N, C-alpha and C. Protein backbone atom coordinates (compact mmCIF):
# COMPACT_ATOMS: atom_id res chain seq x y z
N MET A 1 13.08 -0.96 -9.83
CA MET A 1 12.25 -2.34 -11.14
C MET A 1 13.64 -1.38 -12.58
N LYS A 2 14.44 -2.01 -13.00
CA LYS A 2 15.13 -2.11 -14.51
C LYS A 2 13.77 -1.27 -15.56
N VAL A 3 14.81 0.05 -16.65
CA VAL A 3 13.63 0.23 -17.31
C VAL A 3 14.35 -0.30 -19.03
N LEU A 4 13.48 -1.23 -19.19
CA LEU A 4 13.92 -2.45 -20.44
C LEU A 4 13.13 -1.28 -21.58
N ILE A 5 13.53 -2.08 -22.38
CA ILE A 5 13.42 -0.92 -23.63
C ILE A 5 12.97 -1.53 -24.76
N GLY A 6 11.82 -1.48 -25.32
CA GLY A 6 10.56 -2.03 -26.36
C GLY A 6 9.98 -2.99 -26.14
N GLY A 7 9.05 -3.94 -26.56
CA GLY A 7 8.19 -4.68 -25.80
C GLY A 7 8.01 -5.29 -24.54
N VAL A 8 9.36 -5.55 -23.99
CA VAL A 8 9.19 -6.31 -23.37
C VAL A 8 9.25 -5.16 -21.53
N GLY A 9 9.62 -4.02 -22.14
CA GLY A 9 9.31 -2.71 -21.44
C GLY A 9 7.49 -2.39 -21.01
N ILE A 10 6.55 -2.45 -22.18
CA ILE A 10 5.75 -2.30 -22.21
C ILE A 10 5.19 -3.42 -21.60
N ALA A 11 4.94 -4.80 -21.84
CA ALA A 11 4.54 -5.74 -20.98
C ALA A 11 5.09 -5.99 -19.52
N THR A 12 5.99 -5.53 -19.48
CA THR A 12 6.50 -5.01 -17.70
C THR A 12 5.87 -4.51 -17.52
N LEU A 13 5.50 -3.10 -17.69
CA LEU A 13 4.73 -2.17 -16.82
C LEU A 13 3.33 -2.34 -17.27
N GLY A 14 2.62 -3.53 -18.17
CA GLY A 14 1.63 -4.25 -17.45
C GLY A 14 1.51 -5.39 -16.92
N ILE A 15 2.13 -5.69 -16.71
CA ILE A 15 2.37 -6.42 -15.47
C ILE A 15 2.12 -5.81 -14.09
N VAL A 16 3.14 -4.78 -13.99
CA VAL A 16 3.17 -3.46 -12.72
C VAL A 16 1.11 -3.51 -12.44
N LEU A 17 0.85 -2.87 -13.81
CA LEU A 17 -0.30 -1.92 -13.18
C LEU A 17 -1.48 -3.07 -13.07
N ALA A 18 -1.11 -4.39 -14.21
CA ALA A 18 -2.27 -5.38 -12.91
C ALA A 18 -2.44 -6.00 -12.18
N ALA A 19 -1.34 -5.58 -11.23
CA ALA A 19 -1.11 -5.91 -9.82
C ALA A 19 -1.06 -5.51 -9.28
N CYS A 20 -1.16 -3.60 -9.37
CA CYS A 20 -1.65 -2.55 -8.55
C CYS A 20 -3.24 -2.48 -8.80
N SER A 21 -4.17 -2.85 -9.61
CA SER A 21 -5.00 -3.27 -10.10
C SER A 21 -6.03 -3.99 -9.17
N SER A 22 -4.66 -5.44 -8.89
CA SER A 22 -5.70 -6.80 -7.86
C SER A 22 -4.87 -6.39 -6.53
N ALA A 23 -3.96 -5.78 -6.56
CA ALA A 23 -4.17 -5.43 -5.27
C ALA A 23 -5.15 -4.49 -4.08
N SER A 24 -5.08 -3.97 -5.26
CA SER A 24 -6.53 -2.63 -4.38
C SER A 24 -7.78 -3.07 -4.40
N ASP A 25 -8.64 -4.26 -5.19
CA ASP A 25 -9.54 -4.81 -5.24
C ASP A 25 -9.24 -6.17 -4.76
N ASP A 26 -7.97 -6.62 -4.25
CA ASP A 26 -8.45 -7.61 -2.72
C ASP A 26 -8.41 -6.98 -1.78
N LEU A 27 -8.13 -6.13 -1.68
CA LEU A 27 -8.31 -5.26 -0.46
C LEU A 27 -9.59 -4.64 -0.50
N VAL A 28 -10.10 -4.21 -1.51
CA VAL A 28 -12.16 -3.73 -1.51
C VAL A 28 -12.66 -5.17 -0.75
N GLU A 29 -12.61 -5.90 -1.42
CA GLU A 29 -12.77 -7.04 -1.23
C GLU A 29 -13.29 -7.71 0.05
N ALA A 30 -11.49 -7.36 0.43
CA ALA A 30 -11.70 -8.03 2.11
C ALA A 30 -12.75 -6.58 3.17
N ILE A 31 -12.65 -5.81 2.66
CA ILE A 31 -12.83 -4.41 2.95
C ILE A 31 -14.57 -4.84 3.38
N GLU A 32 -15.23 -5.23 2.03
CA GLU A 32 -16.84 -5.71 1.73
C GLU A 32 -16.65 -7.10 2.36
N ALA A 33 -15.86 -7.44 2.69
CA ALA A 33 -16.71 -8.55 2.96
C ALA A 33 -16.48 -9.32 4.49
N THR A 34 -16.06 -8.33 5.72
CA THR A 34 -16.40 -8.33 6.56
C THR A 34 -17.57 -7.62 7.31
N GLY A 35 -18.31 -6.61 6.59
CA GLY A 35 -19.58 -6.38 6.93
C GLY A 35 -19.28 -5.21 8.19
N GLY A 36 -18.54 -5.50 8.48
CA GLY A 36 -17.96 -4.26 9.55
C GLY A 36 -17.99 -2.96 9.21
N PRO A 37 -17.44 -2.06 8.45
CA PRO A 37 -16.71 -2.67 7.73
C PRO A 37 -14.89 -2.82 8.01
N ASP A 38 -14.05 -3.78 9.20
CA ASP A 38 -12.73 -3.81 10.04
C ASP A 38 -12.51 -5.03 9.14
N VAL A 39 -10.85 -4.93 9.23
CA VAL A 39 -9.97 -5.61 8.55
C VAL A 39 -8.41 -5.65 9.08
N SER A 40 -8.24 -6.65 9.07
CA SER A 40 -6.77 -7.27 8.93
C SER A 40 -6.23 -7.07 7.76
N LEU A 41 -4.64 -6.34 7.41
CA LEU A 41 -4.35 -6.25 5.81
C LEU A 41 -3.83 -8.50 6.00
N ALA A 42 -3.96 -8.50 7.09
CA ALA A 42 -3.12 -10.09 7.11
C ALA A 42 -4.75 -11.41 6.59
N GLU A 43 -5.82 -10.61 6.18
CA GLU A 43 -7.13 -11.21 6.08
C GLU A 43 -6.44 -10.85 4.70
N ALA A 44 -6.12 -10.10 3.83
CA ALA A 44 -6.51 -9.46 2.88
C ALA A 44 -5.43 -9.72 1.76
N PHE A 45 -4.20 -9.91 2.38
CA PHE A 45 -3.01 -10.43 1.35
C PHE A 45 -3.20 -11.50 2.28
N ASP A 46 -2.24 -11.95 1.64
CA ASP A 46 -0.99 -13.38 1.70
C ASP A 46 0.32 -13.09 1.64
N THR A 47 1.34 -12.99 2.91
CA THR A 47 2.06 -12.01 3.39
C THR A 47 2.62 -13.08 4.86
N ASP A 48 3.83 -13.32 4.79
CA ASP A 48 4.80 -13.54 6.44
C ASP A 48 4.73 -12.12 6.58
N ALA A 49 4.66 -10.70 6.28
CA ALA A 49 5.14 -9.37 7.34
C ALA A 49 4.93 -10.06 8.29
N ASP A 50 5.72 -9.45 9.99
CA ASP A 50 4.97 -8.86 11.17
C ASP A 50 4.77 -7.53 11.16
N SER A 51 4.86 -6.45 9.87
CA SER A 51 4.49 -5.03 9.84
C SER A 51 3.91 -4.71 8.79
N TYR A 52 3.56 -3.90 8.76
CA TYR A 52 3.36 -3.00 7.86
C TYR A 52 3.47 -1.04 7.61
N LEU A 53 4.15 -0.69 6.73
CA LEU A 53 3.19 0.64 6.52
C LEU A 53 2.52 1.56 5.73
N PHE A 54 1.88 2.41 5.64
CA PHE A 54 0.90 2.82 4.52
C PHE A 54 2.17 3.62 3.99
N LEU A 55 2.32 4.11 2.60
CA LEU A 55 3.40 4.55 2.16
C LEU A 55 2.57 5.81 1.10
N CYS A 56 2.30 7.57 1.37
CA CYS A 56 0.77 8.19 1.04
C CYS A 56 1.76 8.71 -0.21
N PRO A 57 0.86 9.49 -0.50
CA PRO A 57 1.10 10.55 -2.21
C PRO A 57 1.83 11.84 -1.43
N TYR A 58 2.35 12.17 -2.49
CA TYR A 58 3.72 13.25 -2.19
C TYR A 58 5.13 13.05 -1.23
N GLU A 59 5.57 11.39 -0.20
CA GLU A 59 5.58 11.26 0.26
C GLU A 59 6.89 11.31 -0.59
N SER A 60 7.76 11.60 0.44
CA SER A 60 9.53 10.91 0.03
C SER A 60 9.69 9.88 0.44
N ARG A 61 10.77 9.84 -0.60
CA ARG A 61 11.80 7.62 0.05
C ARG A 61 12.95 8.23 1.60
N ASP A 62 13.10 10.01 1.78
CA ASP A 62 13.76 9.54 2.90
C ASP A 62 12.57 10.56 4.07
N ALA A 63 11.35 10.56 3.98
CA ALA A 63 10.33 10.29 4.68
C ALA A 63 9.77 8.93 5.66
N MET A 64 9.81 8.32 4.14
CA MET A 64 9.44 7.00 4.23
C MET A 64 10.19 6.10 5.52
N GLU A 65 12.07 6.31 4.11
CA GLU A 65 12.94 5.73 5.42
C GLU A 65 12.75 6.19 7.41
N ASP A 66 12.56 7.15 6.64
CA ASP A 66 12.66 8.31 8.67
C ASP A 66 11.64 6.94 9.22
N ARG A 67 10.34 6.77 8.52
CA ARG A 67 9.10 6.51 9.34
C ARG A 67 9.32 4.92 9.52
N LEU A 68 10.39 4.01 8.61
CA LEU A 68 10.60 2.41 8.23
C LEU A 68 11.67 2.19 10.26
N GLY A 69 12.20 3.40 9.88
CA GLY A 69 13.57 3.42 10.65
C GLY A 69 14.54 2.65 10.47
N PHE A 70 14.78 2.26 9.26
CA PHE A 70 16.31 2.15 8.15
C PHE A 70 16.66 2.06 6.76
N ASP A 71 16.97 2.03 6.15
CA ASP A 71 17.44 3.14 4.73
C ASP A 71 16.84 1.49 3.71
N TRP A 72 15.94 2.00 2.99
CA TRP A 72 15.47 1.07 2.34
C TRP A 72 16.08 2.29 0.39
N PRO A 73 16.69 1.13 -0.16
CA PRO A 73 17.56 1.31 -1.31
C PRO A 73 16.59 1.88 -2.78
N GLU A 74 15.57 0.85 -2.66
CA GLU A 74 14.47 0.45 -3.50
C GLU A 74 12.74 0.75 -3.11
N ALA A 75 12.96 2.41 -1.90
CA ALA A 75 11.58 2.80 -1.88
C ALA A 75 11.00 3.38 -3.13
N PRO A 76 10.24 3.64 -2.95
CA PRO A 76 9.28 4.41 -4.46
C PRO A 76 9.25 5.72 -3.79
N ASP A 77 9.08 6.98 -4.48
CA ASP A 77 9.07 8.22 -4.83
C ASP A 77 8.04 8.35 -5.11
N TYR A 78 7.12 8.84 -4.00
CA TYR A 78 5.62 9.06 -4.40
C TYR A 78 5.87 10.43 -4.27
N SER A 79 6.71 11.66 -4.38
CA SER A 79 6.92 13.25 -3.94
C SER A 79 5.66 13.60 -5.09
N ASP A 80 6.28 12.77 -6.41
CA ASP A 80 5.12 13.70 -7.15
C ASP A 80 3.62 13.02 -7.60
N GLN A 81 3.40 12.72 -6.98
CA GLN A 81 1.76 11.73 -7.84
C GLN A 81 0.96 11.71 -6.93
N ASP A 82 -0.02 11.30 -7.12
CA ASP A 82 -1.30 11.41 -6.25
C ASP A 82 -1.84 10.56 -6.84
N ALA A 83 -2.09 10.01 -7.27
CA ALA A 83 -3.06 8.65 -8.39
C ALA A 83 -2.77 7.26 -7.48
N TYR A 84 -2.58 7.05 -6.53
CA TYR A 84 -1.66 5.46 -5.50
C TYR A 84 -1.20 5.64 -4.65
N GLN A 85 -1.04 4.78 -3.21
CA GLN A 85 -0.26 4.97 -2.32
C GLN A 85 0.46 3.45 -2.62
N GLY A 86 1.01 3.14 -1.70
CA GLY A 86 1.51 1.95 -1.25
C GLY A 86 1.33 1.42 0.40
N ILE A 87 1.84 -0.40 0.36
CA ILE A 87 1.87 -0.61 1.28
C ILE A 87 3.19 -1.54 1.76
N ALA A 88 4.15 -0.89 2.32
CA ALA A 88 5.13 -1.81 2.74
C ALA A 88 4.73 -3.00 3.96
N PHE A 89 5.42 -4.12 3.22
CA PHE A 89 4.72 -5.07 4.33
C PHE A 89 6.49 -5.79 4.78
N VAL A 90 6.60 -5.66 5.80
CA VAL A 90 8.24 -5.21 6.40
C VAL A 90 8.39 -6.66 7.37
N THR A 91 9.54 -7.49 7.14
CA THR A 91 10.17 -8.32 8.65
C THR A 91 11.19 -8.27 8.71
N GLY A 92 11.67 -7.55 9.45
CA GLY A 92 12.79 -7.66 9.88
C GLY A 92 13.20 -5.85 8.95
N GLU A 93 14.41 -6.06 7.71
CA GLU A 93 14.30 -4.92 7.46
C GLU A 93 14.51 -5.45 5.70
N ASN A 94 14.23 -6.36 5.58
CA ASN A 94 13.62 -6.55 4.07
C ASN A 94 11.97 -6.17 3.93
N VAL A 95 11.61 -5.23 2.58
CA VAL A 95 10.53 -5.11 2.51
C VAL A 95 10.13 -5.29 1.70
N GLU A 96 8.01 -5.86 0.85
CA GLU A 96 7.62 -6.09 -0.14
C GLU A 96 6.88 -5.14 -0.51
N LEU A 97 6.62 -4.47 -0.96
CA LEU A 97 5.58 -3.19 -1.39
C LEU A 97 4.43 -3.60 -2.12
N VAL A 98 3.56 -3.63 -1.97
CA VAL A 98 2.11 -3.79 -3.19
C VAL A 98 1.57 -2.22 -2.93
N GLU A 99 0.99 -1.60 -4.51
CA GLU A 99 0.83 0.06 -4.88
C GLU A 99 -0.81 -0.30 -4.70
N ILE A 100 -1.36 0.57 -4.26
CA ILE A 100 -3.24 0.56 -4.14
C ILE A 100 -3.26 1.40 -4.83
N SER A 101 -4.59 1.11 -5.32
CA SER A 101 -4.78 2.39 -7.03
C SER A 101 -6.01 3.61 -5.08
N LEU A 102 -5.13 4.47 -5.70
CA LEU A 102 -6.05 6.18 -4.28
C LEU A 102 -7.67 6.34 -5.03
N SER A 103 -7.89 6.03 -5.81
CA SER A 103 -9.53 5.75 -6.51
C SER A 103 -10.21 4.93 -5.53
N GLN A 104 -9.46 3.62 -5.29
CA GLN A 104 -10.55 2.76 -4.78
C GLN A 104 -10.62 2.39 -2.55
N VAL A 105 -9.91 2.83 -2.56
CA VAL A 105 -9.04 3.23 -0.93
C VAL A 105 -7.95 3.91 -0.86
N ASP A 106 -8.48 5.39 0.06
CA ASP A 106 -7.74 5.92 0.64
C ASP A 106 -7.21 5.55 1.73
N LEU A 107 -5.57 5.44 2.53
CA LEU A 107 -5.84 4.89 3.33
C LEU A 107 -4.55 5.20 4.05
N CYS A 108 -4.35 6.84 3.84
CA CYS A 108 -3.08 7.53 4.20
C CYS A 108 -4.03 8.63 5.49
N THR A 109 -3.48 8.33 6.70
CA THR A 109 -4.52 9.08 8.28
C THR A 109 -3.02 10.13 8.61
N GLY A 110 -1.98 10.10 7.93
CA GLY A 110 -0.95 11.15 8.34
C GLY A 110 0.08 10.24 8.28
N ASP A 111 0.85 10.88 9.49
CA ASP A 111 2.69 10.31 9.80
C ASP A 111 2.53 8.43 10.28
N ASP A 112 2.01 7.87 9.90
CA ASP A 112 1.34 7.33 11.37
C ASP A 112 2.54 6.20 10.71
N PRO A 113 2.89 5.35 12.76
CA PRO A 113 4.44 4.80 12.56
C PRO A 113 4.62 3.19 11.99
N LEU A 114 5.29 2.00 11.68
CA LEU A 114 5.03 0.92 11.91
C LEU A 114 4.25 0.34 12.37
N ARG A 115 2.87 -0.66 11.60
CA ARG A 115 2.52 -0.94 12.69
C ARG A 115 2.77 -2.59 12.30
N PRO A 116 1.75 -3.41 14.24
CA PRO A 116 1.52 -4.96 13.33
C PRO A 116 0.17 -5.04 12.48
N LEU A 117 1.10 -6.54 11.50
CA LEU A 117 0.20 -6.85 10.43
C LEU A 117 -1.17 -7.37 10.92
N SER A 118 -1.72 -7.99 12.53
CA SER A 118 -2.47 -8.49 12.81
C SER A 118 -3.82 -6.92 13.87
N GLU A 119 -3.18 -6.08 13.09
CA GLU A 119 -3.64 -4.65 13.54
C GLU A 119 -5.36 -4.61 13.13
N THR A 120 -6.38 -4.54 13.40
CA THR A 120 -7.88 -4.27 12.90
C THR A 120 -8.13 -2.86 12.72
N LEU A 121 -7.92 -2.82 10.78
CA LEU A 121 -8.15 -1.02 10.52
C LEU A 121 -9.90 -0.99 10.20
N TYR A 122 -10.02 0.11 10.13
CA TYR A 122 -11.30 0.43 10.40
C TYR A 122 -11.50 1.59 9.23
N PHE A 123 -12.80 1.07 8.35
CA PHE A 123 -13.13 2.01 7.52
C PHE A 123 -14.71 2.62 7.19
N THR A 124 -14.54 3.60 6.89
CA THR A 124 -16.27 4.15 6.00
C THR A 124 -15.89 4.41 4.74
N ARG A 125 -17.06 4.10 3.98
CA ARG A 125 -17.26 3.84 3.61
C ARG A 125 -17.86 5.96 2.66
N GLY A 126 -16.39 6.63 1.66
CA GLY A 126 -17.14 8.01 1.16
C GLY A 126 -17.67 7.43 -0.55
N SER A 127 -17.98 8.76 -0.44
CA SER A 127 -18.81 9.22 -2.33
C SER A 127 -18.07 7.61 -3.43
N ASP A 128 -17.04 8.13 -3.17
CA ASP A 128 -16.98 7.23 -4.21
C ASP A 128 -15.15 6.00 -3.80
N ARG A 129 -14.98 5.94 -2.41
CA ARG A 129 -13.99 5.24 -1.72
C ARG A 129 -14.03 4.83 -0.96
N TRP A 130 -13.63 3.79 -0.48
CA TRP A 130 -13.44 3.46 0.77
C TRP A 130 -12.27 4.76 1.85
N VAL A 131 -12.36 4.78 2.57
CA VAL A 131 -11.24 5.94 3.78
C VAL A 131 -10.70 5.06 5.06
N LEU A 132 -9.82 4.63 5.08
CA LEU A 132 -9.16 4.74 6.26
C LEU A 132 -9.68 5.11 7.77
N ARG A 133 -10.82 5.36 8.08
CA ARG A 133 -10.32 5.91 10.13
C ARG A 133 -9.39 6.16 10.60
N SER A 134 -8.95 7.41 11.47
CA SER A 134 -8.25 7.56 12.29
C SER A 134 -7.90 6.59 13.51
N SER A 135 -6.78 6.07 13.72
CA SER A 135 -6.58 4.85 14.70
C SER A 135 -6.27 5.67 15.65
């Protein structure tokens, strides 16, 4: 993302933050709608991706690329933050990033590999957010 100066930069940041919040809300709604609470990311997000990778707080770009198995020049650097995490939707070597607020859902269970989008995920409700159980 390019850094913009002035009001345009602020408006762009607002759009990015709104998208982050919306993605988090979409995932929470999908988890709660299943009644399980089990859900696939294909149910929560409108994407043509084949697979996904969770990107965790404190994770470097290099670590993300290692787990993806290819270079991703646009990879975010989460190495110094703990407020959100990402879902990298992957088709071939094309990546679409969605950021999820850690205050609503915790997706990170370790250094998980690239997984198929159709995979079912299982969540438990913690005291203040949904938590992905290890697969």
